[in-house]
Amino acid sequence: MNTLRRPKLPKTCKALSAGLITGLAALSAPVLAQGSGEVAPWARLHGSSSAGLSQYQEPSIGMKLKGPELGVHLRLSDLRGLPRLQLEADLSIGPQDYSSSNGKLNDRSALDTRWRAIYQLWPEGSAQGLYAGLAYQTSYSDLRGSVGPGIAGYERLNRSTWLAAQWRQSVKFDALPRLQGLQLDLGHMLDGRQSSYVSQVGGGWRDVTNKQPWGWYAQLQTTWAAERGLLLEPFVRYTQVGNSDSRDAGVRSLFEPANNRWQLGLKATWPPN
């Protein structure tokens, strides 16, 4: 039977999110208390939390998935022996509302993770400048339930690998004395896989994983000094991914339509790192 080896995704994702949250909380405890610090003699940890909004859409079929997000963000730097290497992790979770020409579903579980290993190319000896490396991202959404008369939803899991670049620059403007820095992130997709667990619908459908040929993202973030040492970092992120290939899903072939996603949010760090 041509069905993906599929774990029970709700339990898997709950366990994954619980494990990530527990791990991130343990690592970030000294950060939330002190802003940044040496987590060991060999590294320095920076952390922040965020709140924002996300809107994912597939324009060709009128599908949208939108809602609030809460996030935790960590950066490990100043590694002993590899001072120019930087490791970053982001976790975001939140209820999303689904809508399409077929119907609607509200408060659907969604979980995103992003992992980056980037190396400082220029200049040396500063926490600013140009970084480049690799990023790995996952995005899970639970769309099970009755979408409309005779139409059922299913779980989705996207996994992608990216060539990542980051530019960080401190700034000082007399007209904006609280503005402290700018950060620009860019990514080019190297590999994308969209798994759709359509066997949950029944009726002869089989799970399918489509390969996505191209995609890119851009994120702009600014850093502002607030009261009592609090740092606020508003950000905007846009992601674009092209049409996938077509795969046999039993009843008929399926492909993942071209899609885009906007994310707006605000990170907060106390005290500054």
Protein backbone atom coordinates (compact mmCIF):
# COMPACT_ATOMS: atom_id res chain seq x y z
CA MET A 1 0.00 0.00 0.00
CA ASN A 2 1.48 3.32 -1.04
CA THR A 3 0.88 5.16 2.24
CA LEU A 4 3.39 7.28 4.10
CA ARG A 5 4.68 5.91 7.35
CA ARG A 6 2.70 8.30 9.50
CA PRO A 7 2.95 8.68 13.28
CA LYS A 8 -0.05 10.01 15.12
CA LEU A 9 0.72 13.60 14.36
CA PRO A 10 -1.31 15.24 17.10
CA LYS A 11 0.56 13.26 19.78
CA THR A 12 3.83 13.68 17.92
CA CYS A 13 3.42 17.43 17.59
CA LYS A 14 2.21 17.79 21.15
CA ALA A 15 5.24 15.87 22.33
CA LEU A 16 7.49 17.89 20.01
CA SER A 17 6.08 21.21 21.15
CA ALA A 18 6.20 20.17 24.81
CA GLY A 19 9.78 19.01 24.43
CA LEU A 20 10.83 22.15 22.59
CA ILE A 21 9.09 24.43 25.05
CA THR A 22 10.61 22.57 28.02
CA GLY A 23 14.07 22.64 26.45
CA LEU A 24 13.83 26.26 25.40
CA ALA A 25 12.49 27.25 28.79
CA ALA A 26 15.32 25.47 30.56
CA LEU A 27 17.91 27.09 28.34
CA SER A 28 16.28 30.50 28.44
CA ALA A 29 15.70 30.65 32.21
CA PRO A 30 18.95 32.53 32.83
CA VAL A 31 18.25 34.67 29.78
CA LEU A 32 14.78 35.70 30.94
CA ALA A 33 16.32 36.53 34.29
CA GLN A 34 19.46 38.27 33.02
CA GLY A 35 18.87 39.05 29.34
CA SER A 36 21.98 37.23 28.19
CA GLY A 37 24.74 35.32 29.80
CA GLU A 38 27.16 32.47 29.64
CA VAL A 39 25.19 29.23 29.75
CA ALA A 40 28.53 27.47 30.09
CA PRO A 41 32.16 28.58 29.83
CA TRP A 42 31.90 27.87 26.11
CA ALA A 43 28.91 29.89 24.89
CA ARG A 44 26.57 32.83 25.38
CA LEU A 45 22.78 32.56 25.13
CA HIS A 46 20.37 35.30 24.06
CA GLY A 47 16.60 34.87 24.26
CA SER A 48 13.33 36.69 23.60
CA SER A 49 9.61 36.05 23.41
CA SER A 50 7.18 37.33 20.79
CA ALA A 51 3.56 37.83 19.84
CA GLY A 52 2.26 38.38 16.34
CA LEU A 53 -0.07 37.51 13.49
CA SER A 54 0.31 35.09 10.58
CA GLN A 55 -1.55 34.77 7.28
CA TYR A 56 -0.84 31.87 4.91
CA GLN A 57 -2.67 31.66 1.60
CA GLU A 58 -2.87 29.66 -1.61
CA PRO A 59 -4.30 32.29 -3.99
CA SER A 60 -5.12 29.93 -6.87
CA ILE A 61 -7.70 28.05 -4.78
CA GLY A 62 -8.73 30.86 -2.40
CA MET A 63 -7.43 29.09 0.70
CA LYS A 64 -6.32 31.07 3.79
CA LEU A 65 -4.98 30.12 7.19
CA LYS A 66 -4.59 33.01 9.61
CA GLY A 67 -4.40 33.75 13.31
CA PRO A 68 -2.22 34.85 16.25
CA GLU A 69 1.17 33.38 17.14
CA LEU A 70 3.24 33.25 20.32
CA GLY A 71 6.96 32.56 19.98
CA VAL A 72 10.21 31.84 21.78
CA HIS A 73 13.52 32.78 20.11
CA LEU A 74 17.04 31.72 21.12
CA ARG A 75 20.49 32.53 19.78
CA LEU A 76 23.69 30.78 20.89
CA SER A 77 26.86 32.74 20.13
CA ASP A 78 30.49 33.18 21.20
CA LEU A 79 31.09 29.44 21.04
CA ARG A 80 34.51 28.46 22.28
CA GLY A 81 36.70 27.54 19.32
CA LEU A 82 34.03 28.77 16.85
CA PRO A 83 33.43 32.40 17.81
CA ARG A 84 32.00 33.31 14.40
CA LEU A 85 29.39 30.53 14.39
CA GLN A 86 25.87 31.35 15.53
CA LEU A 87 23.05 28.89 16.27
CA GLU A 88 19.44 30.11 16.29
CA ALA A 89 16.10 28.47 17.12
CA ASP A 90 12.53 29.79 16.84
CA LEU A 91 9.32 28.15 18.01
CA SER A 92 5.87 29.60 17.34
CA ILE A 93 2.47 28.17 18.16
CA GLY A 94 -1.09 29.42 17.97
CA PRO A 95 -4.68 28.78 16.83
CA GLN A 96 -5.33 29.40 13.14
CA ASP A 97 -8.62 29.89 11.26
CA TYR A 98 -8.99 28.07 7.93
CA SER A 99 -11.16 29.31 5.08
CA SER A 100 -11.60 28.35 1.43
CA SER A 101 -14.31 27.99 -1.19
CA ASN A 102 -15.16 24.66 0.47
CA GLY A 103 -15.89 26.08 3.93
CA LYS A 104 -14.30 27.10 7.21
CA LEU A 105 -12.59 25.66 10.28
CA ASN A 106 -11.73 27.73 13.35
CA ASP A 107 -9.07 27.43 16.05
CA ARG A 108 -6.91 24.83 14.31
CA SER A 109 -3.62 23.84 15.96
CA ALA A 110 -0.46 25.10 14.26
CA LEU A 111 3.19 24.70 15.21
CA ASP A 112 6.24 26.14 13.44
CA THR A 113 9.94 25.65 14.15
CA ARG A 114 12.97 27.27 12.53
CA TRP A 115 16.61 26.27 13.07
CA ARG A 116 19.65 28.12 11.69
CA ALA A 117 23.40 27.61 11.75
CA ILE A 118 25.07 30.70 10.30
CA TYR A 119 28.69 31.79 10.13
CA GLN A 120 29.98 35.33 10.26
CA LEU A 121 31.64 36.18 6.97
CA TRP A 122 32.41 39.84 7.69
CA PRO A 123 33.63 41.62 9.75
CA GLU A 124 35.49 39.56 12.34
CA GLY A 125 35.28 40.36 16.05
CA SER A 126 31.87 42.07 16.03
CA ALA A 127 28.30 40.89 16.56
CA GLN A 128 27.32 42.77 13.40
CA GLY A 129 27.83 42.30 9.69
CA LEU A 130 27.13 39.49 7.24
CA TYR A 131 26.30 35.90 8.23
CA ALA A 132 25.49 32.95 5.95
CA GLY A 133 24.61 29.29 6.49
CA LEU A 134 21.76 26.79 6.46
CA ALA A 135 18.25 26.84 7.89
CA TYR A 136 15.72 24.05 8.48
CA GLN A 137 12.03 24.79 8.98
CA THR A 138 8.92 22.79 9.85
CA SER A 139 5.28 23.87 9.75
CA TYR A 140 2.42 21.69 11.03
CA SER A 141 -1.30 22.41 10.87
CA ASP A 142 -4.23 20.24 11.97
CA LEU A 143 -7.10 20.82 9.56
CA ARG A 144 -9.11 17.73 10.47
CA GLY A 145 -12.83 18.17 10.77
CA SER A 146 -15.83 18.96 8.61
CA VAL A 147 -14.95 21.82 6.27
CA GLY A 148 -18.32 21.75 4.50
CA PRO A 149 -21.05 19.33 3.42
CA GLY A 150 -19.28 16.09 2.51
CA ILE A 151 -15.83 17.71 2.72
CA ALA A 152 -13.30 16.78 5.41
CA GLY A 153 -9.91 18.21 6.27
CA TYR A 154 -6.63 16.52 7.22
CA GLU A 155 -3.25 17.17 8.81
CA ARG A 156 -0.38 18.82 6.93
CA LEU A 157 3.35 18.92 7.62
CA ASN A 158 5.90 20.95 5.68
CA ARG A 159 9.67 20.47 5.97
CA SER A 160 12.16 22.65 4.13
CA THR A 161 15.88 23.40 3.94
CA TRP A 162 17.18 26.85 3.04
CA LEU A 163 20.33 28.73 2.19
CA ALA A 164 20.20 31.53 4.78
CA ALA A 165 21.83 34.95 4.96
CA GLN A 166 21.62 37.56 7.70
CA TRP A 167 22.83 41.16 7.95
CA ARG A 168 22.94 42.93 11.33
CA GLN A 169 23.81 46.59 11.70
CA SER A 170 23.77 48.97 14.67
CA VAL A 171 22.35 52.38 13.84
CA LYS A 172 22.21 55.80 15.45
CA PHE A 173 19.89 58.56 14.28
CA ASP A 174 19.40 61.80 16.19
CA ALA A 175 15.80 61.90 14.98
CA LEU A 176 15.18 58.34 16.32
CA PRO A 177 17.31 58.10 19.47
CA ARG A 178 15.72 54.82 20.63
CA LEU A 179 16.43 52.97 17.37
CA GLN A 180 19.48 50.80 18.00
CA GLY A 181 19.74 48.29 15.17
CA LEU A 182 18.50 46.71 11.94
CA GLN A 183 18.49 43.06 10.91
CA LEU A 184 17.69 41.64 7.47
CA ASP A 185 17.25 37.90 6.89
CA LEU A 186 17.03 36.33 3.42
CA GLY A 187 16.54 32.71 2.41
CA HIS A 188 16.56 30.63 -0.78
CA MET A 189 14.86 27.21 -0.64
CA LEU A 190 17.10 24.23 -1.34
CA ASP A 191 14.48 21.54 -0.71
CA GLY A 192 10.81 21.60 0.28
CA ARG A 193 8.50 18.67 1.13
CA GLN A 194 4.78 19.02 1.81
CA SER A 195 3.14 15.96 3.40
CA SER A 196 -0.65 15.81 3.23
CA TYR A 197 -2.28 13.03 5.27
CA VAL A 198 -5.35 12.71 3.06
CA SER A 199 -5.91 9.08 4.06
CA GLN A 200 -7.63 10.61 7.13
CA VAL A 201 -10.44 11.62 4.77
CA GLY A 202 -11.09 7.96 3.81
CA GLY A 203 -12.71 6.93 0.55
CA GLY A 204 -9.57 5.51 -1.07
CA TRP A 205 -7.31 8.52 -0.54
CA ARG A 206 -3.62 7.84 0.17
CA ASP A 207 -1.13 10.06 1.99
CA VAL A 208 1.17 11.97 -0.30
CA THR A 209 4.37 14.02 -0.06
CA ASN A 210 4.93 16.64 -2.76
CA LYS A 211 8.26 18.21 -3.59
CA GLN A 212 8.38 22.00 -3.84
CA PRO A 213 10.95 23.25 -6.38
CA TRP A 214 11.62 26.80 -5.23
CA GLY A 215 10.92 29.40 -2.60
CA TRP A 216 12.35 32.42 -0.83
CA TYR A 217 11.80 34.50 2.30
CA ALA A 218 12.75 37.94 3.59
CA GLN A 219 12.47 39.29 7.12
CA LEU A 220 13.17 42.82 8.35
CA GLN A 221 13.57 43.48 12.06
CA THR A 222 14.43 46.65 13.97
CA THR A 223 15.65 47.03 17.57
CA TRP A 224 14.34 49.77 19.85
CA ALA A 225 15.34 50.65 23.41
CA ALA A 226 12.33 50.99 25.72
CA GLU A 227 12.07 51.83 29.43
CA ARG A 228 14.15 50.12 32.13
CA GLY A 229 16.39 48.27 29.70
CA LEU A 230 13.62 46.52 27.76
CA LEU A 231 14.39 45.90 24.08
CA LEU A 232 11.52 45.76 21.56
CA GLU A 233 12.06 44.26 18.10
CA PRO A 234 9.17 44.62 15.63
CA PHE A 235 9.52 42.40 12.56
CA VAL A 236 7.80 41.60 9.28
CA ARG A 237 8.44 38.39 7.31
CA TYR A 238 7.28 37.30 3.86
CA THR A 239 7.65 33.82 2.35
CA GLN A 240 6.84 32.72 -1.22
CA VAL A 241 6.85 29.09 -2.43
CA GLY A 242 6.09 27.80 -5.93
CA ASN A 243 3.84 25.01 -7.23
CA SER A 244 4.94 21.53 -6.21
CA ASP A 245 5.11 18.43 -8.36
CA SER A 246 2.06 16.17 -8.73
CA ARG A 247 1.77 12.82 -6.92
CA ASP A 248 -0.76 10.00 -7.00
CA ALA A 249 -3.01 10.16 -3.92
CA GLY A 250 -5.28 7.24 -4.79
CA VAL A 251 -8.50 8.94 -5.85
CA ARG A 252 -6.57 11.36 -8.05
CA SER A 253 -3.22 13.11 -8.25
CA LEU A 254 -2.55 16.02 -5.90
CA PHE A 255 -0.13 18.93 -5.95
CA GLU A 256 0.60 21.71 -3.47
CA PRO A 257 -0.37 25.08 -4.98
CA ALA A 258 1.94 28.09 -4.95
CA ASN A 259 1.56 29.86 -1.62
CA ASN A 260 2.71 32.86 0.34
CA ARG A 261 2.76 33.88 3.98
CA TRP A 262 2.95 37.16 5.87
CA GLN A 263 4.06 37.27 9.51
CA LEU A 264 4.04 40.41 11.67
CA GLY A 265 5.20 40.44 15.26
CA LEU A 266 6.97 42.03 18.17
CA LYS A 267 9.83 40.45 20.12
CA ALA A 268 10.67 41.53 23.64
CA THR A 269 13.93 41.03 25.55
CA TRP A 270 14.40 41.96 29.20
CA PRO A 271 16.99 43.16 30.10
CA PRO A 272 18.95 43.87 26.87
CA ASN A 273 21.35 41.21 25.54
